[in-house]
């Protein structure tokens, strides 16, 4: 009876699709607001990010489905991927055979230069992974671990944008102002009285309550 129950469980979950939904970085975006150039890059190259929403039990019978679909995505010449995000939020069963399957998947996709990201991993699932010896270090190692799908998406988008958008050259403010106001003999005088201010993310340019006599271009 026990063997029959185990066999029934294995066959039933092996037939159930382990991938509940598949998305790309073009159709699913992080909540981070981005500039027009970044949005254009994601619209053009977002398919390089693939998201698999997994469900149910991940074990020897179902992990092969994941490996097969992941390899198919990685080897598709029309849709080459660079990042594979596995959303484990709806996975409730995860055993050592699933760990072995993910290790196999990582080995196969490493040859295709595809990075695997795991997100929404529950504490029991993570304990099983750590007991097996999977390399989980929050962004380093074989598998990159993220608290949420949005965290993983934002990181993958940043990487994709960095490789898709050429670095911006130093701005020629004289030419920019000339384009805005037209040619003017006093324009060189204006340029001599302008000061370049360089900011990094987190710096404050001006607060709404601060008095100011400056004009920021």
N, C-alpha and C. Protein backbone atom coordinates (compact mmCIF):
# COMPACT_ATOMS: atom_id res chain seq x y z
N UNK A 1 0.81 -1.20 0.00
CA UNK A 1 0.00 0.00 0.00
C UNK A 1 0.85 1.26 0.00
N UNK A 2 1.92 1.24 0.83
CA UNK A 2 2.81 2.39 0.90
C UNK A 2 3.52 2.61 -0.43
N UNK A 3 4.00 1.52 -1.02
CA UNK A 3 4.69 1.63 -2.30
C UNK A 3 3.74 2.13 -3.38
N UNK A 4 2.49 1.68 -3.32
CA UNK A 4 1.51 2.12 -4.31
C UNK A 4 1.23 3.61 -4.14
N UNK A 5 1.16 4.09 -2.90
CA UNK A 5 0.92 5.50 -2.64
C UNK A 5 2.08 6.35 -3.14
N UNK A 6 3.32 5.88 -2.90
CA UNK A 6 4.50 6.61 -3.36
C UNK A 6 4.53 6.67 -4.89
N UNK A 7 4.22 5.53 -5.53
CA UNK A 7 4.22 5.49 -6.99
C UNK A 7 3.13 6.41 -7.55
N UNK A 8 1.96 6.41 -6.90
CA UNK A 8 0.87 7.27 -7.36
C UNK A 8 1.25 8.74 -7.22
N UNK A 9 1.92 9.08 -6.10
CA UNK A 9 2.37 10.46 -5.90
C UNK A 9 3.36 10.87 -6.97
N UNK A 10 4.33 9.99 -7.23
CA UNK A 10 5.37 10.32 -8.20
C UNK A 10 4.80 10.50 -9.60
N UNK A 11 3.92 9.59 -9.99
CA UNK A 11 3.34 9.67 -11.33
C UNK A 11 2.45 10.89 -11.46
N UNK A 12 1.64 11.15 -10.42
CA UNK A 12 0.73 12.28 -10.47
C UNK A 12 1.45 13.61 -10.58
N UNK A 13 2.49 13.83 -9.76
CA UNK A 13 3.20 15.10 -9.80
C UNK A 13 4.13 15.20 -11.00
N UNK A 14 4.59 14.04 -11.51
CA UNK A 14 5.42 14.08 -12.72
C UNK A 14 4.61 14.55 -13.92
N UNK A 15 3.31 14.25 -13.91
CA UNK A 15 2.45 14.67 -15.01
C UNK A 15 2.01 16.12 -14.86
N UNK A 16 1.99 16.61 -13.63
CA UNK A 16 1.55 17.99 -13.39
C UNK A 16 2.64 18.97 -13.85
N UNK A 17 2.28 20.00 -14.61
CA UNK A 17 3.30 20.96 -15.06
C UNK A 17 3.97 21.64 -13.87
N UNK A 18 5.29 21.52 -13.76
CA UNK A 18 6.00 22.14 -12.65
C UNK A 18 6.18 23.64 -12.90
N UNK A 19 6.14 24.04 -14.17
CA UNK A 19 6.22 25.46 -14.52
C UNK A 19 4.80 25.99 -14.69
N UNK A 20 4.34 26.73 -13.69
CA UNK A 20 2.97 27.25 -13.72
C UNK A 20 2.82 28.33 -14.78
N UNK A 21 3.86 29.15 -14.94
CA UNK A 21 3.79 30.27 -15.88
C UNK A 21 5.20 30.64 -16.30
N UNK A 22 5.35 31.03 -17.55
CA UNK A 22 6.65 31.48 -18.07
C UNK A 22 6.51 32.90 -18.58
N UNK A 23 7.46 33.77 -18.19
CA UNK A 23 7.46 35.16 -18.61
C UNK A 23 8.87 35.56 -19.02
N UNK A 24 8.98 36.73 -19.61
CA UNK A 24 10.29 37.29 -19.97
C UNK A 24 10.42 38.67 -19.36
N UNK A 25 11.64 39.20 -19.41
CA UNK A 25 11.88 40.54 -18.90
C UNK A 25 11.24 41.62 -19.75
N UNK A 26 10.70 41.24 -20.89
CA UNK A 26 9.98 42.22 -21.71
C UNK A 26 8.54 42.35 -21.24
N UNK A 27 7.93 41.25 -20.83
CA UNK A 27 6.52 41.27 -20.42
C UNK A 27 6.36 41.49 -18.91
N UNK A 28 7.38 41.17 -18.14
CA UNK A 28 7.32 41.35 -16.69
C UNK A 28 8.47 42.24 -16.26
N UNK A 29 8.16 43.37 -15.63
CA UNK A 29 9.17 44.33 -15.21
C UNK A 29 9.20 44.43 -13.69
N UNK A 30 10.32 44.88 -13.16
CA UNK A 30 10.40 45.20 -11.74
C UNK A 30 9.62 46.49 -11.49
N UNK A 31 9.40 46.80 -10.22
CA UNK A 31 8.62 48.01 -9.89
C UNK A 31 9.47 49.27 -9.96
N UNK A 32 10.76 49.13 -10.22
CA UNK A 32 11.65 50.30 -10.28
C UNK A 32 11.33 51.15 -11.50
N UNK A 33 11.11 52.45 -11.27
CA UNK A 33 10.91 53.39 -12.38
C UNK A 33 12.24 53.65 -13.08
N UNK A 34 12.25 53.54 -14.40
CA UNK A 34 13.50 53.72 -15.16
C UNK A 34 13.31 54.81 -16.21
N UNK A 35 14.44 55.32 -16.71
CA UNK A 35 14.37 56.37 -17.72
C UNK A 35 13.99 55.78 -19.08
N UNK A 36 13.77 56.67 -20.03
CA UNK A 36 13.29 56.24 -21.35
C UNK A 36 14.28 55.31 -22.05
N UNK A 37 15.58 55.62 -21.94
CA UNK A 37 16.59 54.78 -22.61
C UNK A 37 16.62 53.38 -22.02
N UNK A 38 16.50 53.28 -20.69
CA UNK A 38 16.50 51.97 -20.03
C UNK A 38 15.25 51.18 -20.41
N UNK A 39 14.09 51.84 -20.44
CA UNK A 39 12.86 51.15 -20.84
C UNK A 39 12.93 50.68 -22.28
N UNK A 40 13.56 51.47 -23.13
CA UNK A 40 13.72 51.06 -24.53
C UNK A 40 14.63 49.84 -24.63
N UNK A 41 15.68 49.81 -23.83
CA UNK A 41 16.60 48.66 -23.84
C UNK A 41 15.89 47.40 -23.37
N UNK A 42 15.06 47.52 -22.33
CA UNK A 42 14.33 46.36 -21.82
C UNK A 42 13.27 45.90 -22.82
N UNK A 43 12.64 46.85 -23.51
CA UNK A 43 11.64 46.49 -24.50
C UNK A 43 12.28 45.74 -25.67
N UNK A 44 13.52 46.09 -25.99
CA UNK A 44 14.20 45.47 -27.12
C UNK A 44 14.86 44.15 -26.74
N UNK A 45 15.47 44.10 -25.55
CA UNK A 45 16.29 42.93 -25.19
C UNK A 45 15.77 42.19 -23.95
N UNK A 46 14.58 42.54 -23.48
CA UNK A 46 14.07 41.92 -22.26
C UNK A 46 13.87 40.42 -22.34
N UNK A 47 13.75 39.88 -23.56
CA UNK A 47 13.58 38.44 -23.71
C UNK A 47 14.80 37.65 -23.26
N UNK A 48 15.91 38.34 -23.03
CA UNK A 48 17.10 37.65 -22.53
C UNK A 48 16.95 37.26 -21.06
N UNK A 49 15.93 37.80 -20.41
CA UNK A 49 15.60 37.41 -19.04
C UNK A 49 14.38 36.50 -19.10
N UNK A 50 14.51 35.27 -18.59
CA UNK A 50 13.39 34.33 -18.58
C UNK A 50 12.99 34.04 -17.13
N UNK A 51 11.69 34.04 -16.89
CA UNK A 51 11.15 33.80 -15.56
C UNK A 51 10.26 32.57 -15.59
N UNK A 52 10.57 31.59 -14.75
CA UNK A 52 9.72 30.41 -14.60
C UNK A 52 9.09 30.46 -13.21
N UNK A 53 7.76 30.51 -13.15
CA UNK A 53 7.04 30.43 -11.89
C UNK A 53 6.75 28.94 -11.63
N UNK A 54 7.39 28.38 -10.62
CA UNK A 54 7.25 26.95 -10.34
C UNK A 54 6.12 26.71 -9.34
N UNK A 55 5.63 25.47 -9.32
CA UNK A 55 4.54 25.13 -8.42
C UNK A 55 4.63 23.67 -7.98
N UNK A 56 3.96 23.38 -6.86
CA UNK A 56 3.81 22.00 -6.42
C UNK A 56 5.06 21.41 -5.82
N UNK A 57 5.34 20.17 -6.22
CA UNK A 57 6.46 19.41 -5.68
C UNK A 57 7.59 19.37 -6.69
N UNK A 58 8.77 19.68 -6.21
CA UNK A 58 9.96 19.61 -7.06
C UNK A 58 10.79 18.43 -6.57
N UNK A 59 10.79 17.36 -7.34
CA UNK A 59 11.51 16.14 -6.99
C UNK A 59 11.98 15.48 -8.28
N UNK A 60 12.47 14.25 -8.20
CA UNK A 60 13.10 13.64 -9.37
C UNK A 60 12.15 13.53 -10.56
N UNK A 61 10.84 13.39 -10.28
CA UNK A 61 9.89 13.22 -11.37
C UNK A 61 9.55 14.51 -12.09
N UNK A 62 9.63 15.64 -11.38
CA UNK A 62 9.23 16.91 -12.00
C UNK A 62 10.41 17.81 -12.36
N UNK A 63 11.56 17.61 -11.71
CA UNK A 63 12.68 18.48 -11.99
C UNK A 63 13.20 18.29 -13.41
N UNK A 64 12.96 17.10 -13.97
CA UNK A 64 13.38 16.87 -15.36
C UNK A 64 12.60 17.76 -16.32
N UNK A 65 11.32 18.05 -15.99
CA UNK A 65 10.56 19.00 -16.80
C UNK A 65 11.26 20.36 -16.83
N UNK A 66 11.68 20.79 -15.65
CA UNK A 66 12.35 22.09 -15.52
C UNK A 66 13.65 22.11 -16.30
N UNK A 67 14.44 21.06 -16.19
CA UNK A 67 15.70 20.98 -16.91
C UNK A 67 15.46 21.02 -18.42
N UNK A 68 14.47 20.28 -18.88
CA UNK A 68 14.18 20.23 -20.32
C UNK A 68 13.76 21.60 -20.85
N UNK A 69 12.84 22.27 -20.15
CA UNK A 69 12.37 23.57 -20.61
C UNK A 69 13.46 24.64 -20.51
N UNK A 70 14.28 24.56 -19.48
CA UNK A 70 15.36 25.53 -19.31
C UNK A 70 16.40 25.39 -20.41
N UNK A 71 16.76 24.17 -20.72
CA UNK A 71 17.73 23.95 -21.79
C UNK A 71 17.17 24.39 -23.13
N UNK A 72 15.88 24.16 -23.33
CA UNK A 72 15.25 24.58 -24.58
C UNK A 72 15.32 26.10 -24.72
N UNK A 73 15.08 26.81 -23.64
CA UNK A 73 15.14 28.27 -23.67
C UNK A 73 16.56 28.76 -23.89
N UNK A 74 17.53 28.09 -23.24
CA UNK A 74 18.93 28.53 -23.34
C UNK A 74 19.52 28.26 -24.72
N UNK A 75 19.02 27.23 -25.40
CA UNK A 75 19.60 26.83 -26.69
C UNK A 75 18.84 27.39 -27.88
N UNK A 76 17.74 28.10 -27.63
CA UNK A 76 16.97 28.65 -28.73
C UNK A 76 17.75 29.78 -29.40
N UNK A 77 18.18 29.62 -30.65
CA UNK A 77 19.00 30.65 -31.30
C UNK A 77 18.24 31.95 -31.54
N UNK A 78 16.90 31.91 -31.57
CA UNK A 78 16.11 33.11 -31.80
C UNK A 78 15.82 33.86 -30.50
N UNK A 79 16.08 33.25 -29.37
CA UNK A 79 15.69 33.84 -28.10
C UNK A 79 16.71 33.48 -27.02
N UNK A 80 17.97 33.86 -27.24
CA UNK A 80 19.04 33.52 -26.32
C UNK A 80 18.84 34.23 -24.99
N UNK A 81 18.95 33.49 -23.89
CA UNK A 81 18.75 34.10 -22.58
C UNK A 81 20.09 34.24 -21.86
N UNK A 82 20.15 35.21 -20.96
CA UNK A 82 21.35 35.42 -20.15
C UNK A 82 21.07 35.16 -18.68
N UNK A 83 19.79 35.29 -18.27
CA UNK A 83 19.41 35.09 -16.87
C UNK A 83 18.14 34.26 -16.81
N UNK A 84 18.15 33.26 -15.93
CA UNK A 84 16.97 32.44 -15.68
C UNK A 84 16.57 32.62 -14.22
N UNK A 85 15.35 33.15 -14.01
CA UNK A 85 14.84 33.37 -12.67
C UNK A 85 13.82 32.27 -12.35
N UNK A 86 14.05 31.54 -11.27
CA UNK A 86 13.13 30.50 -10.82
C UNK A 86 12.40 31.01 -9.59
N UNK A 87 11.09 31.22 -9.73
CA UNK A 87 10.25 31.70 -8.63
C UNK A 87 9.70 30.48 -7.89
N UNK A 88 10.20 30.25 -6.66
CA UNK A 88 9.82 29.07 -5.89
C UNK A 88 8.76 29.37 -4.84
N UNK A 89 8.06 30.49 -4.99
CA UNK A 89 7.08 30.88 -3.99
C UNK A 89 5.94 29.89 -3.81
N UNK A 90 5.58 29.15 -4.87
CA UNK A 90 4.48 28.19 -4.79
C UNK A 90 4.96 26.74 -4.77
N UNK A 91 6.24 26.52 -4.48
CA UNK A 91 6.77 25.16 -4.35
C UNK A 91 6.68 24.75 -2.88
N UNK A 92 5.97 23.66 -2.59
CA UNK A 92 5.78 23.23 -1.21
C UNK A 92 6.55 21.97 -0.84
N UNK A 93 7.05 21.24 -1.84
CA UNK A 93 7.83 20.03 -1.57
C UNK A 93 9.12 20.09 -2.38
N UNK A 94 10.23 19.83 -1.70
CA UNK A 94 11.54 19.98 -2.33
C UNK A 94 12.48 19.02 -1.63
N UNK A 95 13.00 18.04 -2.38
CA UNK A 95 13.85 17.04 -1.73
C UNK A 95 15.26 17.04 -2.32
N UNK A 96 16.06 16.09 -1.90
CA UNK A 96 17.46 16.04 -2.33
C UNK A 96 17.59 15.79 -3.83
N UNK A 97 16.62 15.07 -4.41
CA UNK A 97 16.69 14.83 -5.85
C UNK A 97 16.47 16.13 -6.63
N UNK A 98 15.67 17.05 -6.05
CA UNK A 98 15.49 18.35 -6.68
C UNK A 98 16.79 19.15 -6.62
N UNK A 99 17.49 19.04 -5.48
CA UNK A 99 18.79 19.72 -5.37
C UNK A 99 19.77 19.19 -6.42
N UNK A 100 19.78 17.87 -6.58
CA UNK A 100 20.67 17.26 -7.58
C UNK A 100 20.28 17.73 -8.97
N UNK A 101 18.96 17.83 -9.22
CA UNK A 101 18.50 18.30 -10.52
C UNK A 101 18.90 19.74 -10.79
N UNK A 102 18.82 20.61 -9.78
CA UNK A 102 19.22 22.00 -9.96
C UNK A 102 20.72 22.12 -10.17
N UNK A 103 21.48 21.30 -9.46
CA UNK A 103 22.94 21.29 -9.69
C UNK A 103 23.26 20.88 -11.12
N UNK A 104 22.51 19.90 -11.61
CA UNK A 104 22.70 19.47 -13.01
C UNK A 104 22.33 20.60 -13.97
N UNK A 105 21.23 21.29 -13.67
CA UNK A 105 20.80 22.40 -14.51
C UNK A 105 21.85 23.51 -14.52
N UNK A 106 22.40 23.83 -13.35
CA UNK A 106 23.43 24.87 -13.27
C UNK A 106 24.65 24.49 -14.10
N UNK A 107 25.03 23.23 -14.06
CA UNK A 107 26.18 22.76 -14.83
C UNK A 107 25.92 22.89 -16.33
N UNK A 108 24.70 22.55 -16.75
CA UNK A 108 24.37 22.62 -18.17
C UNK A 108 24.27 24.06 -18.68
N UNK A 109 23.65 24.93 -17.87
CA UNK A 109 23.46 26.31 -18.32
C UNK A 109 24.72 27.15 -18.20
N UNK A 110 25.65 26.72 -17.34
CA UNK A 110 26.91 27.46 -17.22
C UNK A 110 27.64 27.48 -18.56
N UNK A 111 27.50 26.42 -19.33
CA UNK A 111 28.15 26.36 -20.65
C UNK A 111 27.54 27.37 -21.61
N UNK A 112 26.29 27.76 -21.36
CA UNK A 112 25.62 28.74 -22.21
C UNK A 112 25.70 30.16 -21.64
N UNK A 113 26.51 30.33 -20.57
CA UNK A 113 26.68 31.63 -19.89
C UNK A 113 25.36 32.18 -19.36
N UNK A 114 24.53 31.28 -18.84
CA UNK A 114 23.24 31.65 -18.26
C UNK A 114 23.36 31.60 -16.74
N UNK A 115 22.96 32.68 -16.07
CA UNK A 115 22.99 32.75 -14.61
C UNK A 115 21.62 32.35 -14.08
N UNK A 116 21.59 31.50 -13.04
CA UNK A 116 20.34 31.05 -12.45
C UNK A 116 20.09 31.82 -11.15
N UNK A 117 18.88 32.37 -11.03
CA UNK A 117 18.48 33.12 -9.85
C UNK A 117 17.32 32.39 -9.18
N UNK A 118 17.40 32.20 -7.87
CA UNK A 118 16.32 31.60 -7.10
C UNK A 118 15.69 32.68 -6.23
N UNK A 119 14.37 32.77 -6.23
CA UNK A 119 13.70 33.79 -5.42
C UNK A 119 12.50 33.20 -4.70
N UNK A 120 12.09 33.91 -3.63
CA UNK A 120 10.94 33.49 -2.81
C UNK A 120 11.13 32.08 -2.27
N UNK A 121 12.34 31.79 -1.80
CA UNK A 121 12.66 30.46 -1.26
C UNK A 121 12.26 30.43 0.22
N UNK A 122 11.37 29.52 0.59
CA UNK A 122 10.93 29.42 1.97
C UNK A 122 12.05 28.86 2.85
N UNK A 123 11.91 29.01 4.15
CA UNK A 123 12.92 28.52 5.09
C UNK A 123 13.13 27.01 4.99
N UNK A 124 12.05 26.18 4.92
CA UNK A 124 12.27 24.73 4.77
C UNK A 124 13.01 24.37 3.49
N UNK A 125 12.65 25.05 2.38
CA UNK A 125 13.33 24.76 1.11
C UNK A 125 14.80 25.14 1.20
N UNK A 126 15.08 26.29 1.80
CA UNK A 126 16.47 26.72 1.92
C UNK A 126 17.26 25.76 2.80
N UNK A 127 16.64 25.26 3.86
CA UNK A 127 17.32 24.30 4.75
C UNK A 127 17.70 23.05 3.97
N UNK A 128 16.79 22.58 3.12
CA UNK A 128 17.09 21.39 2.30
C UNK A 128 18.25 21.67 1.35
N UNK A 129 18.25 22.85 0.73
CA UNK A 129 19.34 23.22 -0.19
C UNK A 129 20.67 23.29 0.53
N UNK A 130 20.69 23.91 1.71
CA UNK A 130 21.94 24.05 2.46
C UNK A 130 22.43 22.70 2.96
N UNK A 131 21.50 21.83 3.34
CA UNK A 131 21.90 20.49 3.78
C UNK A 131 22.52 19.69 2.64
N UNK A 132 21.99 19.91 1.43
CA UNK A 132 22.55 19.23 0.25
C UNK A 132 23.92 19.79 -0.11
N UNK A 133 24.13 21.08 0.19
CA UNK A 133 25.42 21.71 -0.12
C UNK A 133 25.37 22.62 -1.32
N UNK A 134 24.17 23.06 -1.71
CA UNK A 134 24.06 24.00 -2.83
C UNK A 134 24.70 25.33 -2.45
N UNK A 135 25.34 25.99 -3.42
CA UNK A 135 26.03 27.25 -3.18
C UNK A 135 25.02 28.39 -3.21
N UNK A 136 24.64 28.85 -2.01
CA UNK A 136 23.68 29.94 -1.86
C UNK A 136 24.33 31.02 -1.00
N UNK A 137 24.56 32.18 -1.60
CA UNK A 137 25.22 33.23 -0.82
C UNK A 137 24.69 34.61 -1.17
N UNK A 138 23.39 34.70 -1.47
CA UNK A 138 22.76 36.00 -1.66
C UNK A 138 23.33 36.85 -2.77
N UNK A 139 23.56 36.28 -3.92
CA UNK A 139 24.06 37.06 -5.05
C UNK A 139 25.41 36.59 -5.54
N UNK A 140 26.04 35.65 -4.84
CA UNK A 140 27.34 35.13 -5.27
C UNK A 140 27.24 33.61 -5.36
N UNK A 141 28.06 33.03 -6.17
CA UNK A 141 28.10 31.58 -6.24
C UNK A 141 27.31 31.04 -7.41
N UNK A 142 27.10 29.72 -7.41
CA UNK A 142 26.42 29.06 -8.51
C UNK A 142 25.00 29.56 -8.67
N UNK A 143 24.25 29.61 -7.56
CA UNK A 143 22.87 30.11 -7.58
C UNK A 143 22.82 31.45 -6.86
N UNK A 144 22.17 32.40 -7.46
CA UNK A 144 22.01 33.71 -6.83
C UNK A 144 20.64 33.74 -6.15
N UNK A 145 20.64 33.98 -4.87
CA UNK A 145 19.44 33.90 -4.05
C UNK A 145 18.91 35.29 -3.77
N UNK A 146 17.58 35.47 -3.96
CA UNK A 146 16.95 36.77 -3.77
C UNK A 146 15.69 36.61 -2.94
N UNK A 147 15.38 37.59 -2.07
CA UNK A 147 14.19 37.47 -1.22
C UNK A 147 12.89 37.41 -2.03
N UNK A 148 12.81 38.23 -3.07
CA UNK A 148 11.58 38.31 -3.87
C UNK A 148 11.90 38.27 -5.35
N UNK A 149 10.85 38.03 -6.13
CA UNK A 149 11.00 38.05 -7.58
C UNK A 149 11.42 39.44 -8.06
N UNK A 150 10.87 40.48 -7.43
CA UNK A 150 11.19 41.84 -7.85
C UNK A 150 12.67 42.16 -7.64
N UNK A 151 13.26 41.67 -6.53
CA UNK A 151 14.69 41.89 -6.30
C UNK A 151 15.52 41.25 -7.41
N UNK A 152 15.16 40.02 -7.76
CA UNK A 152 15.89 39.32 -8.83
C UNK A 152 15.72 40.03 -10.16
N UNK A 153 14.50 40.48 -10.45
CA UNK A 153 14.23 41.17 -11.71
C UNK A 153 15.02 42.46 -11.82
N UNK A 154 15.04 43.23 -10.74
CA UNK A 154 15.75 44.51 -10.77
C UNK A 154 17.23 44.30 -11.06
N UNK A 155 17.83 43.28 -10.42
CA UNK A 155 19.25 42.98 -10.66
C UNK A 155 19.48 42.58 -12.11
N UNK A 156 18.65 41.71 -12.65
CA UNK A 156 18.83 41.26 -14.03
C UNK A 156 18.61 42.39 -15.01
N UNK A 157 17.65 43.26 -14.73
CA UNK A 157 17.43 44.42 -15.59
C UNK A 157 18.65 45.34 -15.58
N UNK A 158 19.22 45.57 -14.41
CA UNK A 158 20.41 46.41 -14.32
C UNK A 158 21.54 45.85 -15.19
N UNK A 159 21.75 44.55 -15.10
CA UNK A 159 22.81 43.93 -15.90
C UNK A 159 22.53 44.05 -17.40
N UNK A 160 21.28 43.84 -17.77
CA UNK A 160 20.92 43.91 -19.19
C UNK A 160 21.07 45.33 -19.72
N UNK A 161 20.63 46.30 -18.94
CA UNK A 161 20.73 47.70 -19.36
C UNK A 161 22.19 48.12 -19.49
N UNK A 162 23.04 47.67 -18.55
CA UNK A 162 24.45 48.04 -18.57
C UNK A 162 25.15 47.55 -19.83
N UNK A 163 24.69 46.42 -20.38
CA UNK A 163 25.32 45.88 -21.58
C UNK A 163 24.63 46.34 -22.86
N UNK A 164 23.46 46.98 -22.72
CA UNK A 164 22.69 47.37 -23.91
C UNK A 164 22.83 48.84 -24.25
N UNK A 165 23.12 49.68 -23.25
CA UNK A 165 23.19 51.11 -23.46
C UNK A 165 24.64 51.56 -23.43
N UNK A 166 25.06 52.26 -24.45
CA UNK A 166 26.42 52.77 -24.50
C UNK A 166 26.61 53.83 -23.43
N UNK A 167 27.81 53.91 -22.83
CA UNK A 167 28.06 54.96 -21.84
C UNK A 167 27.83 56.35 -22.42
N UNK A 168 27.23 57.21 -21.61
CA UNK A 168 26.96 58.57 -22.07
C UNK A 168 28.23 59.40 -22.02
N UNK A 169 28.55 60.03 -23.12
CA UNK A 169 29.75 60.88 -23.16
C UNK A 169 29.50 62.15 -22.34
N UNK A 170 30.58 62.83 -21.98
CA UNK A 170 30.47 64.07 -21.22
C UNK A 170 29.66 65.08 -22.04
N UNK A 171 28.66 65.68 -21.41
CA UNK A 171 27.74 66.55 -22.13
C UNK A 171 28.41 67.86 -22.53
N UNK A 172 28.15 68.31 -23.74
CA UNK A 172 28.61 69.61 -24.22
C UNK A 172 27.49 70.60 -23.93
N UNK A 173 27.59 71.27 -22.77
CA UNK A 173 26.52 72.17 -22.35
C UNK A 173 26.35 73.35 -23.30
N UNK A 174 27.46 73.83 -23.86
CA UNK A 174 27.37 74.93 -24.81
C UNK A 174 26.48 74.57 -25.98
N UNK A 175 26.68 73.37 -26.52
CA UNK A 175 25.88 72.94 -27.67
C UNK A 175 24.42 72.71 -27.25
N UNK A 176 24.24 72.17 -26.04
CA UNK A 176 22.87 71.93 -25.56
C UNK A 176 22.12 73.25 -25.40
N UNK A 177 22.76 74.25 -24.77
CA UNK A 177 22.10 75.54 -24.58
C UNK A 177 21.85 76.25 -25.90
N UNK A 178 22.77 76.10 -26.83
CA UNK A 178 22.58 76.71 -28.14
C UNK A 178 21.39 76.09 -28.84
N UNK A 179 21.21 74.77 -28.63
CA UNK A 179 20.06 74.12 -29.22
C UNK A 179 18.75 74.55 -28.58
N UNK A 180 18.80 74.93 -27.29
CA UNK A 180 17.60 75.35 -26.59
C UNK A 180 17.21 76.79 -26.90
N UNK A 181 18.20 77.70 -26.89
CA UNK A 181 17.88 79.13 -27.01
C UNK A 181 18.35 79.73 -28.33
N UNK A 182 19.08 78.95 -29.12
CA UNK A 182 19.59 79.49 -30.37
C UNK A 182 20.94 80.18 -30.17
N UNK A 183 21.54 80.58 -31.25
CA UNK A 183 22.84 81.25 -31.19
C UNK A 183 22.69 82.65 -30.60
N UNK A 184 23.56 82.98 -29.64
CA UNK A 184 23.49 84.30 -28.99
C UNK A 184 24.90 84.73 -28.65
N UNK A 185 25.26 85.98 -28.89
CA UNK A 185 26.63 86.43 -28.60
C UNK A 185 26.96 86.39 -27.10
N UNK A 186 25.94 86.40 -26.22
CA UNK A 186 26.22 86.37 -24.79
C UNK A 186 26.33 84.95 -24.24
N UNK A 187 26.13 83.96 -25.11
CA UNK A 187 26.15 82.57 -24.64
C UNK A 187 27.50 82.18 -24.00
N UNK A 188 28.64 82.59 -24.58
CA UNK A 188 29.93 82.29 -23.93
C UNK A 188 30.04 82.90 -22.54
N UNK A 189 29.46 84.10 -22.34
CA UNK A 189 29.48 84.71 -21.01
C UNK A 189 28.68 83.86 -20.02
N UNK A 190 27.53 83.36 -20.49
CA UNK A 190 26.72 82.51 -19.63
C UNK A 190 27.48 81.24 -19.24
N UNK A 191 28.16 80.64 -20.23
CA UNK A 191 28.89 79.40 -19.96
C UNK A 191 30.00 79.63 -18.94
N UNK A 192 30.67 80.79 -18.99
CA UNK A 192 31.76 81.06 -18.05
C UNK A 192 31.26 81.19 -16.62
N UNK A 193 29.97 81.54 -16.47
CA UNK A 193 29.41 81.72 -15.13
C UNK A 193 28.65 80.49 -14.64
N UNK A 194 28.68 79.41 -15.42
CA UNK A 194 28.00 78.18 -15.00
C UNK A 194 28.98 77.26 -14.29
N UNK A 195 28.47 76.50 -13.35
CA UNK A 195 29.27 75.57 -12.57
C UNK A 195 28.73 74.16 -12.75
N UNK A 196 29.61 73.21 -13.03
CA UNK A 196 29.20 71.82 -13.20
C UNK A 196 29.13 71.15 -11.83
N UNK A 197 28.02 70.51 -11.55
CA UNK A 197 27.82 69.80 -10.29
C UNK A 197 27.62 68.33 -10.59
N UNK A 198 28.41 67.47 -9.98
CA UNK A 198 28.31 66.03 -10.18
C UNK A 198 27.66 65.38 -8.97
N UNK A 199 26.61 64.61 -9.21
CA UNK A 199 25.88 63.93 -8.13
C UNK A 199 25.93 62.42 -8.34
N UNK A 200 25.83 61.70 -7.25
CA UNK A 200 25.72 60.24 -7.30
C UNK A 200 24.39 59.87 -6.66
N UNK A 201 23.87 58.67 -6.93
CA UNK A 201 22.59 58.28 -6.34
C UNK A 201 22.58 58.45 -4.82
N UNK A 202 21.55 59.13 -4.32
CA UNK A 202 21.45 59.40 -2.89
C UNK A 202 21.78 60.83 -2.52
N UNK A 203 22.54 61.55 -3.38
CA UNK A 203 22.85 62.96 -3.12
C UNK A 203 21.59 63.82 -3.31
N UNK A 204 21.54 64.92 -2.60
CA UNK A 204 20.41 65.85 -2.70
C UNK A 204 20.85 67.08 -3.49
N UNK A 205 20.12 67.39 -4.55
CA UNK A 205 20.41 68.59 -5.34
C UNK A 205 19.77 69.81 -4.69
N UNK A 206 18.48 69.71 -4.43
CA UNK A 206 17.77 70.82 -3.81
C UNK A 206 16.51 70.27 -3.14
N UNK A 207 16.19 70.79 -1.97
CA UNK A 207 14.97 70.40 -1.28
C UNK A 207 13.88 71.44 -1.51
N UNK A 208 12.64 71.01 -1.40
CA UNK A 208 11.53 71.90 -1.71
C UNK A 208 11.47 73.10 -0.77
N UNK A 209 12.00 72.97 0.46
CA UNK A 209 11.92 74.07 1.42
C UNK A 209 13.15 74.96 1.42
N UNK A 210 14.18 74.63 0.62
CA UNK A 210 15.42 75.41 0.62
C UNK A 210 15.28 76.67 -0.24
N UNK A 211 15.70 77.82 0.28
CA UNK A 211 15.75 79.02 -0.58
C UNK A 211 16.91 78.88 -1.57
N UNK A 212 16.70 79.34 -2.77
CA UNK A 212 17.74 79.21 -3.78
C UNK A 212 17.61 80.30 -4.83
N UNK A 213 18.76 80.78 -5.30
CA UNK A 213 18.78 81.75 -6.40
C UNK A 213 19.47 81.14 -7.62
N UNK A 214 19.58 79.80 -7.59
CA UNK A 214 20.28 79.11 -8.67
C UNK A 214 19.30 78.60 -9.73
N UNK A 215 19.82 78.44 -10.93
CA UNK A 215 19.08 77.81 -12.02
C UNK A 215 19.80 76.53 -12.38
N UNK A 216 19.08 75.40 -12.32
CA UNK A 216 19.68 74.11 -12.62
C UNK A 216 19.25 73.66 -14.01
N UNK A 217 20.22 73.33 -14.84
CA UNK A 217 19.95 72.84 -16.19
C UNK A 217 20.22 71.34 -16.18
